Amino acid sequence: MAALLLYIGTYAPGVEKYLYKLSTVQSSVCFFMLLLIRKYFLSQYKIMCFSATASFGAGAVLTALGVVSVKTAVKPQQLPFAGIPLLFAAQQIAEGFLWLSLQNSEYAVFRVPSTYMFLFFAQVFWPFWVPFAVLKLEPNERRKKFMKAMFATGILVSLYFISCMMIFPVNGVIEECHIFYTFGYPVIMTPIVSVFYALATIGSLMASSVKGMKLFGISVFIAYLITGIFYLDYFVSVWCFFSAILSLIIVSVIYRMRQLKAQTRHYE
């Protein structure tokens, strides 16, 4: 992951300074302490629980944010990025129906479609959509080349996951207030694909020159780390939830672009 961030740093000046705040020993100690916390503290205390209510509630809030974001956009090329909260809303609502199907047999008919719909967004859609949306907003030609590479990477990741979803079994069950997703995917490919997934999504955000985009990228990366350390068993569900909530930043990015457009018109 350090190598990934260093590579991104060449396209996102200023990011690399965050990598040298801690020495290798300090970083290792911090990581080890977090693992201890995860093992001995979180096993006794539940610091976060999810439910159908949480998923539907998040879906409602994200729908409202998405409508505001889309209406705030002033150019067609802003719509793929501005519409992300609406897409996150659909994903959260899908998981809400999965919660219902797992808790109540009357909703069992929703179990398979809601499982696949949630995982489609998580594993197939976001790897190519995020770099595509960021690419549409990027004004810097040099960075556009990097974005195109990330978009191509995302497409490959998406093709891998959709192939796996068609070939191998997937399932979701409730476990300790979370949904635990199980996959029959090749285990040996998981770490490799995870790196390319992060590179396509977080990498494109971090490399963008659009104001506010790095903040979104850094926030999603922090959520990635927190989820990996504290909620590893429920990574897919929890990280998508965190990322969905963080899409509030998207509204501010689009609003800032609208203000910049208005100022430009004022001085013309």
C-alpha atoms as a PDB file:
ATOM      1  CA  MET A   1       0.000   0.000   0.000  1.00  0.00           C
ATOM      2  CA  ALA A   2       2.913   2.350   0.680  1.00  0.00           C
ATOM      3  CA  ALA A   3       4.169   1.720  -2.844  1.00  0.00           C
ATOM      4  CA  LEU A   4       0.694   2.515  -4.138  1.00  0.00           C
ATOM      5  CA  LEU A   5       0.624   5.856  -2.323  1.00  0.00           C
ATOM      6  CA  LEU A   6       4.128   6.722  -3.479  1.00  0.00           C
ATOM      7  CA  TYR A   7       3.078   6.093  -7.053  1.00  0.00           C
ATOM      8  CA  ILE A   8      -0.004   8.251  -6.604  1.00  0.00           C
ATOM      9  CA  GLY A   9       2.186  10.937  -5.020  1.00  0.00           C
ATOM     10  CA  THR A  10       4.009  11.487  -8.312  1.00  0.00           C
ATOM     11  CA  TYR A  11       0.709  12.632  -9.797  1.00  0.00           C
ATOM     12  CA  ALA A  12      -0.625  14.346  -6.669  1.00  0.00           C
ATOM     13  CA  PRO A  13       2.022  16.756  -5.338  1.00  0.00           C
ATOM     14  CA  GLY A  14       1.778  17.189  -1.596  1.00  0.00           C
ATOM     15  CA  VAL A  15       0.350  13.748  -0.852  1.00  0.00           C
ATOM     16  CA  GLU A  16       3.744  12.165  -0.355  1.00  0.00           C
ATOM     17  CA  LYS A  17       4.524  14.377   2.665  1.00  0.00           C
ATOM     18  CA  TYR A  18       1.927  12.437   4.661  1.00  0.00           C
ATOM     19  CA  LEU A  19       3.857   9.219   4.087  1.00  0.00           C
ATOM     20  CA  TYR A  20       6.904  10.315   6.039  1.00  0.00           C
ATOM     21  CA  LYS A  21       5.230  11.556   9.191  1.00  0.00           C
ATOM     22  CA  LEU A  22       6.030   8.278  10.911  1.00  0.00           C
ATOM     23  CA  SER A  23       9.130   6.140  10.715  1.00  0.00           C
ATOM     24  CA  THR A  24       8.846   2.486   9.753  1.00  0.00           C
ATOM     25  CA  VAL A  25       9.160   1.434  13.410  1.00  0.00           C
ATOM     26  CA  GLN A  26       6.527   3.946  14.564  1.00  0.00           C
ATOM     27  CA  SER A  27       4.150   2.845  11.814  1.00  0.00           C
ATOM     28  CA  SER A  28       4.637  -0.810  12.726  1.00  0.00           C
ATOM     29  CA  VAL A  29       4.000  -0.109  16.426  1.00  0.00           C
ATOM     30  CA  CYS A  30       0.821   1.860  15.646  1.00  0.00           C
ATOM     31  CA  PHE A  31      -0.452  -0.851  13.335  1.00  0.00           C
ATOM     32  CA  PHE A  32       0.300  -3.550  15.924  1.00  0.00           C
ATOM     33  CA  MET A  33      -1.544  -1.568  18.612  1.00  0.00           C
ATOM     34  CA  LEU A  34      -4.575  -1.181  16.359  1.00  0.00           C
ATOM     35  CA  LEU A  35      -4.604  -4.929  15.728  1.00  0.00           C
ATOM     36  CA  LEU A  36      -4.537  -5.532  19.493  1.00  0.00           C
ATOM     37  CA  ILE A  37      -7.436  -3.139  19.949  1.00  0.00           C
ATOM     38  CA  ARG A  38      -9.341  -4.940  17.227  1.00  0.00           C
ATOM     39  CA  LYS A  39      -8.686  -8.343  18.770  1.00  0.00           C
ATOM     40  CA  TYR A  40      -9.155  -7.685  22.484  1.00  0.00           C
ATOM     41  CA  PHE A  41     -11.352  -4.589  22.702  1.00  0.00           C
ATOM     42  CA  LEU A  42     -13.762  -4.894  19.807  1.00  0.00           C
ATOM     43  CA  SER A  43     -14.352  -8.555  20.554  1.00  0.00           C
ATOM     44  CA  GLN A  44     -15.949  -7.505  23.862  1.00  0.00           C
ATOM     45  CA  TYR A  45     -17.649  -4.260  22.892  1.00  0.00           C
ATOM     46  CA  LYS A  46     -19.732  -3.558  19.816  1.00  0.00           C
ATOM     47  CA  ILE A  47     -18.921   0.006  18.809  1.00  0.00           C
ATOM     48  CA  MET A  48     -21.126   0.016  15.701  1.00  0.00           C
ATOM     49  CA  CYS A  49     -24.155  -1.968  14.668  1.00  0.00           C
ATOM     50  CA  PHE A  50     -25.981  -1.908  11.358  1.00  0.00           C
ATOM     51  CA  SER A  51     -29.556  -2.778  10.481  1.00  0.00           C
ATOM     52  CA  ALA A  52     -32.257  -2.404   7.848  1.00  0.00           C
ATOM     53  CA  THR A  53     -33.180   0.916   9.450  1.00  0.00           C
ATOM     54  CA  ALA A  54     -29.604   2.200   9.145  1.00  0.00           C
ATOM     55  CA  SER A  55     -29.391   1.143   5.494  1.00  0.00           C
ATOM     56  CA  PHE A  56     -32.761   2.623   4.526  1.00  0.00           C
ATOM     57  CA  GLY A  57     -32.013   5.769   6.542  1.00  0.00           C
ATOM     58  CA  ALA A  58     -28.678   6.202   4.804  1.00  0.00           C
ATOM     59  CA  GLY A  59     -30.400   5.587   1.472  1.00  0.00           C
ATOM     60  CA  ALA A  60     -32.936   8.345   2.176  1.00  0.00           C
ATOM     61  CA  VAL A  61     -30.273  10.871   3.214  1.00  0.00           C
ATOM     62  CA  LEU A  62     -28.082   9.999   0.233  1.00  0.00           C
ATOM     63  CA  THR A  63     -31.034  10.360  -2.142  1.00  0.00           C
ATOM     64  CA  ALA A  64     -31.620  13.897  -0.854  1.00  0.00           C
ATOM     65  CA  LEU A  65     -27.913  14.706  -1.145  1.00  0.00           C
ATOM     66  CA  GLY A  66     -27.812  13.226  -4.630  1.00  0.00           C
ATOM     67  CA  VAL A  67     -30.720  15.340  -5.826  1.00  0.00           C
ATOM     68  CA  VAL A  68     -29.033  18.475  -4.477  1.00  0.00           C
ATOM     69  CA  SER A  69     -25.717  17.462  -6.033  1.00  0.00           C
ATOM     70  CA  VAL A  70     -27.203  16.785  -9.489  1.00  0.00           C
ATOM     71  CA  LYS A  71     -29.193  20.021  -9.432  1.00  0.00           C
ATOM     72  CA  THR A  72     -26.061  21.926  -8.432  1.00  0.00           C
ATOM     73  CA  ALA A  73     -24.059  20.614 -11.407  1.00  0.00           C
ATOM     74  CA  VAL A  74     -23.663  23.205 -14.170  1.00  0.00           C
ATOM     75  CA  LYS A  75     -22.059  21.066 -16.885  1.00  0.00           C
ATOM     76  CA  PRO A  76     -22.985  17.637 -18.309  1.00  0.00           C
ATOM     77  CA  GLN A  77     -19.509  16.272 -17.544  1.00  0.00           C
ATOM     78  CA  GLN A  78     -20.135  16.923 -13.835  1.00  0.00           C
ATOM     79  CA  LEU A  79     -23.163  14.610 -13.714  1.00  0.00           C
ATOM     80  CA  PRO A  80     -21.308  11.258 -13.407  1.00  0.00           C
ATOM     81  CA  PHE A  81     -19.558  12.550 -10.275  1.00  0.00           C
ATOM     82  CA  ALA A  82     -22.534  14.538  -8.961  1.00  0.00           C
ATOM     83  CA  GLY A  83     -24.760  11.476  -9.246  1.00  0.00           C
ATOM     84  CA  ILE A  84     -22.579   9.258  -7.033  1.00  0.00           C
ATOM     85  CA  PRO A  85     -24.650   9.912  -3.859  1.00  0.00           C
ATOM     86  CA  LEU A  86     -27.770   8.718  -5.723  1.00  0.00           C
ATOM     87  CA  LEU A  87     -25.961   5.552  -6.764  1.00  0.00           C
ATOM     88  CA  PHE A  88     -24.751   4.992  -3.196  1.00  0.00           C
ATOM     89  CA  ALA A  89     -28.375   5.455  -2.099  1.00  0.00           C
ATOM     90  CA  ALA A  90     -29.473   2.637  -4.418  1.00  0.00           C
ATOM     91  CA  GLN A  91     -26.716   0.419  -3.009  1.00  0.00           C
ATOM     92  CA  GLN A  92     -27.683   1.113   0.610  1.00  0.00           C
ATOM     93  CA  ILE A  93     -31.374   0.508  -0.117  1.00  0.00           C
ATOM     94  CA  ALA A  94     -30.436  -2.810  -1.736  1.00  0.00           C
ATOM     95  CA  GLU A  95     -28.642  -3.835   1.458  1.00  0.00           C
ATOM     96  CA  GLY A  96     -31.659  -2.674   3.445  1.00  0.00           C
ATOM     97  CA  PHE A  97     -33.802  -5.186   1.559  1.00  0.00           C
ATOM     98  CA  LEU A  98     -31.160  -7.835   2.203  1.00  0.00           C
ATOM     99  CA  TRP A  99     -31.438  -7.113   5.932  1.00  0.00           C
ATOM    100  CA  LEU A 100     -35.219  -7.539   5.715  1.00  0.00           C
ATOM    101  CA  SER A 101     -34.926 -10.808   3.789  1.00  0.00           C
ATOM    102  CA  LEU A 102     -32.490 -12.222   6.339  1.00  0.00           C
ATOM    103  CA  GLN A 103     -34.577 -11.178   9.345  1.00  0.00           C
ATOM    104  CA  ASN A 104     -38.051 -11.961   8.071  1.00  0.00           C
ATOM    105  CA  SER A 105     -39.029 -14.955   5.946  1.00  0.00           C
ATOM    106  CA  GLU A 106     -41.836 -12.928   4.372  1.00  0.00           C
ATOM    107  CA  TYR A 107     -39.172 -10.939   2.486  1.00  0.00           C
ATOM    108  CA  ALA A 108     -37.081 -13.988   1.500  1.00  0.00           C
ATOM    109  CA  VAL A 109     -37.814 -13.327  -2.170  1.00  0.00           C
ATOM    110  CA  PHE A 110     -35.549 -10.242  -1.987  1.00  0.00           C
ATOM    111  CA  ARG A 111     -32.513 -12.116  -0.667  1.00  0.00           C
ATOM    112  CA  VAL A 112     -30.819 -13.158  -3.902  1.00  0.00           C
ATOM    113  CA  PRO A 113     -31.535 -10.037  -6.005  1.00  0.00           C
ATOM    114  CA  SER A 114     -30.598  -7.636  -3.189  1.00  0.00           C
ATOM    115  CA  THR A 115     -27.366  -9.566  -2.499  1.00  0.00           C
ATOM    116  CA  TYR A 116     -26.318  -9.412  -6.124  1.00  0.00           C
ATOM    117  CA  MET A 117     -27.397  -5.796  -6.524  1.00  0.00           C
ATOM    118  CA  PHE A 118     -25.341  -4.686  -3.513  1.00  0.00           C
ATOM    119  CA  LEU A 119     -22.293  -6.653  -4.628  1.00  0.00           C
ATOM    120  CA  PHE A 120     -22.681  -5.404  -8.200  1.00  0.00           C
ATOM    121  CA  PHE A 121     -22.239  -1.853  -6.947  1.00  0.00           C
ATOM    122  CA  ALA A 122     -19.469  -2.757  -4.487  1.00  0.00           C
ATOM    123  CA  GLN A 123     -17.349  -4.936  -6.743  1.00  0.00           C
ATOM    124  CA  VAL A 124     -18.303  -4.243 -10.359  1.00  0.00           C
ATOM    125  CA  PHE A 125     -19.646  -0.704 -10.645  1.00  0.00           C
ATOM    126  CA  TRP A 126     -17.412   1.477  -8.454  1.00  0.00           C
ATOM    127  CA  PRO A 127     -14.012   0.315  -9.828  1.00  0.00           C
ATOM    128  CA  PHE A 128     -14.754   1.783 -13.268  1.00  0.00           C
ATOM    129  CA  TRP A 129     -17.308   4.486 -12.419  1.00  0.00           C
ATOM    130  CA  VAL A 130     -15.192   6.427  -9.909  1.00  0.00           C
ATOM    131  CA  PRO A 131     -12.149   6.907 -12.211  1.00  0.00           C
ATOM    132  CA  PHE A 132     -14.524   7.638 -15.124  1.00  0.00           C
ATOM    133  CA  ALA A 133     -16.358  10.333 -13.127  1.00  0.00           C
ATOM    134  CA  VAL A 134     -13.095  11.884 -11.919  1.00  0.00           C
ATOM    135  CA  LEU A 135     -11.633  11.786 -15.443  1.00  0.00           C
ATOM    136  CA  LYS A 136     -14.610  13.755 -16.778  1.00  0.00           C
ATOM    137  CA  LEU A 137     -13.785  16.595 -14.365  1.00  0.00           C
ATOM    138  CA  GLU A 138      -9.988  16.641 -14.737  1.00  0.00           C
ATOM    139  CA  PRO A 139      -8.640  19.739 -16.581  1.00  0.00           C
ATOM    140  CA  ASN A 140      -4.954  18.791 -16.427  1.00  0.00           C
ATOM    141  CA  GLU A 141      -3.839  16.862 -19.517  1.00  0.00           C
ATOM    142  CA  ARG A 142      -0.938  15.104 -17.766  1.00  0.00           C
ATOM    143  CA  ARG A 143      -3.193  13.863 -15.005  1.00  0.00           C
ATOM    144  CA  LYS A 144      -5.807  12.826 -17.545  1.00  0.00           C
ATOM    145  CA  LYS A 145      -3.346  10.232 -18.831  1.00  0.00           C
ATOM    146  CA  PHE A 146      -3.092   8.779 -15.340  1.00  0.00           C
ATOM    147  CA  MET A 147      -6.899   8.882 -14.973  1.00  0.00           C
ATOM    148  CA  LYS A 148      -7.301   6.978 -18.239  1.00  0.00           C
ATOM    149  CA  ALA A 149      -4.914   4.328 -16.957  1.00  0.00           C
ATOM    150  CA  MET A 150      -6.949   4.105 -13.732  1.00  0.00           C
ATOM    151  CA  PHE A 151     -10.159   3.856 -15.751  1.00  0.00           C
ATOM    152  CA  ALA A 152      -8.684   0.971 -17.753  1.00  0.00           C
ATOM    153  CA  THR A 153      -7.548  -0.668 -14.502  1.00  0.00           C
ATOM    154  CA  GLY A 154     -11.033  -0.263 -13.074  1.00  0.00           C
ATOM    155  CA  ILE A 155     -12.597  -1.910 -16.123  1.00  0.00           C
ATOM    156  CA  LEU A 156     -10.305  -4.931 -15.706  1.00  0.00           C
ATOM    157  CA  VAL A 157     -11.218  -5.179 -11.999  1.00  0.00           C
ATOM    158  CA  SER A 158     -14.917  -4.926 -12.864  1.00  0.00           C
ATOM    159  CA  LEU A 159     -14.617  -7.637 -15.513  1.00  0.00           C
ATOM    160  CA  TYR A 160     -12.866  -9.903 -13.015  1.00  0.00           C
ATOM    161  CA  PHE A 161     -15.544  -9.449 -10.371  1.00  0.00           C
ATOM    162  CA  ILE A 162     -18.515  -9.819 -12.689  1.00  0.00           C
ATOM    163  CA  SER A 163     -16.954 -13.025 -14.040  1.00  0.00           C
ATOM    164  CA  CYS A 164     -16.533 -14.313 -10.486  1.00  0.00           C
ATOM    165  CA  MET A 165     -20.121 -13.399  -9.600  1.00  0.00           C
ATOM    166  CA  MET A 166     -21.355 -15.395 -12.587  1.00  0.00           C
ATOM    167  CA  ILE A 167     -19.200 -18.448 -11.876  1.00  0.00           C
ATOM    168  CA  PHE A 168     -18.825 -18.699  -8.083  1.00  0.00           C
ATOM    169  CA  PRO A 169     -21.448 -18.636  -5.300  1.00  0.00           C
ATOM    170  CA  VAL A 170     -21.968 -15.508  -3.183  1.00  0.00           C
ATOM    171  CA  ASN A 171     -24.039 -15.133  -0.041  1.00  0.00           C
ATOM    172  CA  GLY A 172     -24.795 -12.740   2.779  1.00  0.00           C
ATOM    173  CA  VAL A 173     -25.677 -13.618   6.390  1.00  0.00           C
ATOM    174  CA  ILE A 174     -26.216 -11.559   9.541  1.00  0.00           C
ATOM    175  CA  GLU A 175     -23.385 -11.857  12.025  1.00  0.00           C
ATOM    176  CA  GLU A 176     -22.915  -9.614  15.093  1.00  0.00           C
ATOM    177  CA  CYS A 177     -25.010  -6.698  13.822  1.00  0.00           C
ATOM    178  CA  HIS A 178     -23.352  -6.751  10.393  1.00  0.00           C
ATOM    179  CA  ILE A 179     -23.857  -8.540   7.107  1.00  0.00           C
ATOM    180  CA  PHE A 180     -21.082 -11.003   6.444  1.00  0.00           C
ATOM    181  CA  TYR A 181     -20.612 -11.661   2.728  1.00  0.00           C
ATOM    182  CA  THR A 182     -19.061 -14.923   1.614  1.00  0.00           C
ATOM    183  CA  PHE A 183     -17.526 -15.513  -1.801  1.00  0.00           C
ATOM    184  CA  GLY A 184     -16.275 -18.547  -3.668  1.00  0.00           C
ATOM    185  CA  TYR A 185     -13.731 -16.409  -5.551  1.00  0.00           C
ATOM    186  CA  PRO A 186     -10.112 -17.616  -5.964  1.00  0.00           C
ATOM    187  CA  VAL A 187      -8.409 -16.719  -2.686  1.00  0.00           C
ATOM    188  CA  ILE A 188      -5.001 -16.231  -4.308  1.00  0.00           C
ATOM    189  CA  MET A 189      -6.376 -13.350  -6.403  1.00  0.00           C
ATOM    190  CA  THR A 190      -7.938 -11.402  -3.514  1.00  0.00           C
ATOM    191  CA  PRO A 191      -4.889  -9.333  -2.414  1.00  0.00           C
ATOM    192  CA  ILE A 192      -3.878  -8.606  -6.009  1.00  0.00           C
ATOM    193  CA  VAL A 193      -7.325  -7.457  -7.105  1.00  0.00           C
ATOM    194  CA  SER A 194      -7.733  -5.442  -3.878  1.00  0.00           C
ATOM    195  CA  VAL A 195      -4.641  -3.380  -4.710  1.00  0.00           C
ATOM    196  CA  PHE A 196      -5.857  -2.657  -8.227  1.00  0.00           C
ATOM    197  CA  TYR A 197      -9.327  -1.834  -6.873  1.00  0.00           C
ATOM    198  CA  ALA A 198      -7.833   0.727  -4.481  1.00  0.00           C
ATOM    199  CA  LEU A 199      -5.580   2.084  -7.213  1.00  0.00           C
ATOM    200  CA  ALA A 200      -8.513   2.650  -9.579  1.00  0.00           C
ATOM    201  CA  THR A 201     -10.839   4.229  -7.018  1.00  0.00           C
ATOM    202  CA  ILE A 202      -8.785   5.923  -4.303  1.00  0.00           C
ATOM    203  CA  GLY A 203      -5.829   6.513  -6.637  1.00  0.00           C
ATOM    204  CA  SER A 204      -7.865   8.476  -9.149  1.00  0.00           C
ATOM    205  CA  LEU A 205      -9.345  10.663  -6.397  1.00  0.00           C
ATOM    206  CA  MET A 206      -5.960  11.378  -4.836  1.00  0.00           C
ATOM    207  CA  ALA A 207      -4.387  12.262  -8.185  1.00  0.00           C
ATOM    208  CA  SER A 208      -7.109  14.712  -9.212  1.00  0.00           C
ATOM    209  CA  SER A 209      -6.320  18.428  -9.423  1.00  0.00           C
ATOM    210  CA  VAL A 210      -9.963  19.386  -8.754  1.00  0.00           C
ATOM    211  CA  LYS A 211     -10.262  21.234  -5.471  1.00  0.00           C
ATOM    212  CA  GLY A 212     -11.767  19.098  -2.722  1.00  0.00           C
ATOM    213  CA  MET A 213     -11.194  15.812  -4.560  1.00  0.00           C
ATOM    214  CA  LYS A 214      -8.085  14.900  -2.536  1.00  0.00           C
ATOM    215  CA  LEU A 215     -10.077  15.414   0.668  1.00  0.00           C
ATOM    216  CA  PHE A 216     -12.615  12.890  -0.584  1.00  0.00           C
ATOM    217  CA  GLY A 217      -9.834  10.491  -1.583  1.00  0.00           C
ATOM    218  CA  ILE A 218      -8.016  10.792   1.753  1.00  0.00           C
ATOM    219  CA  SER A 219     -11.301  10.358   3.660  1.00  0.00           C
ATOM    220  CA  VAL A 220     -12.176   7.206   1.704  1.00  0.00           C
ATOM    221  CA  PHE A 221      -8.644   5.871   2.233  1.00  0.00           C
ATOM    222  CA  ILE A 222      -8.908   6.452   5.999  1.00  0.00           C
ATOM    223  CA  ALA A 223     -12.273   4.682   5.961  1.00  0.00           C
ATOM    224  CA  TYR A 224     -10.566   1.852   4.033  1.00  0.00           C
ATOM    225  CA  LEU A 225      -7.913   1.501   6.752  1.00  0.00           C
ATOM    226  CA  ILE A 226     -10.358   1.741   9.653  1.00  0.00           C
ATOM    227  CA  THR A 227     -12.648  -0.838   8.089  1.00  0.00           C
ATOM    228  CA  GLY A 228      -9.744  -3.168   7.321  1.00  0.00           C
ATOM    229  CA  ILE A 229      -8.483  -3.010  10.905  1.00  0.00           C
ATOM    230  CA  PHE A 230     -11.697  -2.972  12.920  1.00  0.00           C
ATOM    231  CA  TYR A 231     -14.247  -4.637  10.611  1.00  0.00           C
ATOM    232  CA  LEU A 232     -12.203  -6.917   8.391  1.00  0.00           C
ATOM    233  CA  ASP A 233     -14.785  -9.718   8.451  1.00  0.00           C
ATOM    234  CA  TYR A 234     -17.482  -7.310   7.255  1.00  0.00           C
ATOM    235  CA  PHE A 235     -15.265  -5.210   5.008  1.00  0.00           C
ATOM    236  CA  VAL A 236     -17.504  -4.999   1.924  1.00  0.00           C
ATOM    237  CA  SER A 237     -20.580  -3.868   3.843  1.00  0.00           C
ATOM    238  CA  VAL A 238     -18.928  -1.454   6.281  1.00  0.00           C
ATOM    239  CA  TRP A 239     -16.538   0.259   3.834  1.00  0.00           C
ATOM    240  CA  CYS A 240     -19.356   0.865   1.362  1.00  0.00           C
ATOM    241  CA  PHE A 241     -21.416   2.375   4.183  1.00  0.00           C
ATOM    242  CA  PHE A 242     -18.568   4.686   5.236  1.00  0.00           C
ATOM    243  CA  SER A 243     -17.870   5.682   1.628  1.00  0.00           C
ATOM    244  CA  ALA A 244     -21.554   6.408   1.079  1.00  0.00           C
ATOM    245  CA  ILE A 245     -21.668   8.749   4.072  1.00  0.00           C
ATOM    246  CA  LEU A 246     -18.451  10.439   2.917  1.00  0.00           C
ATOM    247  CA  SER A 247     -20.117  11.246  -0.395  1.00  0.00           C
ATOM    248  CA  LEU A 248     -21.365  14.366   1.403  1.00  0.00           C
ATOM    249  CA  ILE A 249     -18.010  15.773   0.281  1.00  0.00           C
ATOM    250  CA  ILE A 250     -19.135  15.317  -3.322  1.00  0.00           C
ATOM    251  CA  VAL A 251     -21.855  17.912  -2.846  1.00  0.00           C
ATOM    252  CA  SER A 252     -19.280  20.429  -1.607  1.00  0.00           C
ATOM    253  CA  VAL A 253     -16.994  19.694  -4.592  1.00  0.00           C
ATOM    254  CA  ILE A 254     -19.819  20.247  -7.083  1.00  0.00           C
ATOM    255  CA  TYR A 255     -20.983  23.371  -5.232  1.00  0.00           C
ATOM    256  CA  ARG A 256     -17.441  24.789  -5.307  1.00  0.00           C
ATOM    257  CA  MET A 257     -17.264  24.167  -9.048  1.00  0.00           C
ATOM    258  CA  ARG A 258     -20.583  25.985  -9.481  1.00  0.00           C
ATOM    259  CA  GLN A 259     -19.238  28.966  -7.520  1.00  0.00           C
ATOM    260  CA  LEU A 260     -16.071  29.001  -9.635  1.00  0.00           C
ATOM    261  CA  LYS A 261     -18.197  29.003 -12.783  1.00  0.00           C
ATOM    262  CA  ALA A 262     -20.255  31.914 -11.450  1.00  0.00           C
ATOM    263  CA  GLN A 263     -17.108  33.905 -10.599  1.00  0.00           C
ATOM    264  CA  THR A 264     -15.727  33.273 -14.075  1.00  0.00           C
ATOM    265  CA  ARG A 265     -18.899  34.610 -15.656  1.00  0.00           C
ATOM    266  CA  HIS A 266     -18.772  37.644 -13.379  1.00  0.00           C
ATOM    267  CA  TYR A 267     -15.311  38.646 -14.618  1.00  0.00           C
ATOM    268  CA  GLU A 268     -16.049  37.988 -18.296  1.00  0.00           C
END
